[in-house]
Protein backbone atom coordinates (compact mmCIF):
# COMPACT_ATOMS: atom_id res chain seq x y z
CA MET A 1 0.16 0.00 0.08
CA ALA A 2 0.80 3.32 -0.86
CA ILE A 3 2.27 5.65 2.05
CA LEU A 4 -0.37 8.23 2.81
CA PRO A 5 1.19 12.31 2.91
CA GLN A 6 1.93 13.55 6.31
CA GLY A 7 0.92 16.67 8.05
CA THR A 8 -1.74 18.87 6.12
CA VAL A 9 -3.04 16.63 3.97
CA THR A 10 -5.93 17.71 1.25
CA PHE A 11 -8.69 15.13 0.04
CA LEU A 12 -9.83 15.40 -3.61
CA PHE A 13 -13.58 14.01 -4.02
CA THR A 14 -14.74 13.11 -7.51
CA ASP A 15 -18.13 11.97 -8.42
CA ILE A 16 -20.05 11.47 -12.08
CA GLU A 17 -23.34 13.64 -11.79
CA GLY A 18 -26.19 11.83 -13.25
CA SER A 19 -24.43 8.56 -13.84
CA THR A 20 -27.53 6.46 -13.12
CA ARG A 21 -28.99 8.48 -16.10
CA LEU A 22 -25.99 7.98 -17.90
CA VAL A 23 -26.12 3.86 -17.70
CA GLN A 24 -29.75 4.20 -18.79
CA GLU A 25 -28.71 6.11 -21.74
CA LEU A 26 -25.77 4.08 -22.75
CA GLY A 27 -26.56 0.27 -21.29
CA PRO A 28 -24.46 -1.32 -19.10
CA GLY A 29 -21.68 -2.26 -21.98
CA LEU A 30 -20.93 0.87 -23.30
CA TYR A 31 -21.30 2.46 -19.52
CA GLY A 32 -18.37 -0.20 -18.55
CA GLU A 33 -16.21 1.06 -21.32
CA VAL A 34 -16.74 4.66 -20.47
CA LEU A 35 -16.15 4.28 -16.91
CA GLU A 36 -12.96 2.45 -17.50
CA THR A 37 -11.78 5.31 -19.60
CA HIS A 38 -13.03 7.89 -17.07
CA HIS A 39 -10.85 6.07 -14.33
CA ALA A 40 -7.87 5.90 -16.42
CA LEU A 41 -7.65 9.38 -17.30
CA LEU A 42 -8.37 10.34 -13.95
CA ARG A 43 -5.91 8.34 -12.36
CA ASP A 44 -3.11 9.49 -14.63
CA ALA A 45 -4.23 13.22 -13.61
CA PHE A 46 -4.53 12.48 -9.89
CA ARG A 47 -1.00 10.57 -10.23
CA ALA A 48 0.55 13.19 -7.84
CA GLY A 49 -1.89 12.09 -5.17
CA ILE A 50 -2.57 8.34 -3.28
CA GLU A 51 -5.82 7.03 -4.44
CA ALA A 52 -7.28 6.24 -1.22
CA GLY A 53 -10.13 4.47 -2.71
CA THR A 54 -13.20 4.47 -5.40
CA GLU A 55 -16.72 3.44 -5.23
CA GLY A 56 -18.13 3.28 -8.38
CA ASP A 57 -17.49 6.35 -10.55
CA SER A 58 -16.15 8.02 -7.34
CA PHE A 59 -12.46 8.65 -6.44
CA PHE A 60 -11.25 9.44 -3.07
CA VAL A 61 -7.63 11.00 -3.48
CA ALA A 62 -5.03 12.35 -0.72
CA LEU A 63 -2.82 14.92 -1.85
CA ALA A 64 0.17 16.68 0.10
CA SER A 65 -1.26 20.27 -0.52
CA ALA A 66 -4.26 22.32 -1.58
CA THR A 67 -2.10 23.51 -4.47
CA GLU A 68 -1.20 19.76 -5.75
CA ALA A 69 -5.14 18.87 -5.11
CA VAL A 70 -6.41 21.88 -7.38
CA ALA A 71 -3.84 20.94 -10.11
CA ALA A 72 -5.16 17.41 -9.98
CA ALA A 73 -8.68 18.36 -10.15
CA VAL A 74 -8.06 20.72 -13.13
CA GLY A 75 -6.05 18.12 -14.98
CA GLY A 76 -8.78 15.91 -14.21
CA GLN A 77 -11.66 18.10 -15.71
CA ARG A 78 -9.30 19.20 -18.46
CA ALA A 79 -8.22 15.29 -19.24
CA LEU A 80 -12.31 14.79 -19.54
CA ALA A 81 -13.17 17.63 -21.35
CA GLY A 82 -10.43 16.89 -24.12
CA HIS A 83 -11.01 12.94 -24.77
CA GLY A 84 -12.10 11.80 -27.86
CA TRP A 85 -15.47 10.51 -26.64
CA PRO A 86 -17.18 8.29 -29.64
CA HIS A 87 -19.05 10.50 -31.67
CA ASP A 88 -21.92 8.14 -31.99
CA ARG A 89 -22.86 8.24 -28.69
CA PRO A 90 -24.13 11.11 -26.02
CA ILE A 91 -20.57 11.17 -24.37
CA GLY A 92 -19.00 13.92 -26.45
CA SER A 93 -18.30 17.39 -25.44
CA ALA A 94 -21.89 17.91 -24.76
CA TRP A 95 -21.70 14.83 -22.22
CA ALA A 96 -18.71 16.48 -20.69
CA ARG A 97 -20.70 19.53 -19.91
CA THR A 98 -24.13 17.71 -19.12
CA HIS A 99 -22.57 14.80 -17.21
CA ALA A 100 -19.90 17.20 -15.16
CA VAL A 101 -17.51 15.45 -12.61
CA SER A 102 -17.81 17.07 -9.22
CA LEU A 103 -14.55 17.58 -8.02
CA ALA A 104 -14.61 18.51 -4.03
CA LEU A 105 -11.50 19.35 -2.02
CA ALA A 106 -11.21 19.12 1.90
CA ALA A 107 -7.97 19.87 3.58
CA LEU A 108 -7.22 18.65 7.02
């Protein structure tokens, strides 16, 4: 297991808004592919932190500073918005706007 940051730690939480509706729109097969891509993009964007957990479409990441957490959150949003989602499905740039990923930061 990775060593968690010490001292003041910032937590980054993510969630796909409207994911239940998205599963219904895409079907479980395509949604699974979308979720796999979503996870890969965010894991790459969050590499400065420690992935403390995932649950469904949500991430919980610990980072050493608020600056790192904000940079990771922005990187995640940019990666999702810039990804070439399949054009024949409702997950292109319109999807990125309507099914935004909520990123919440909490510093302890």
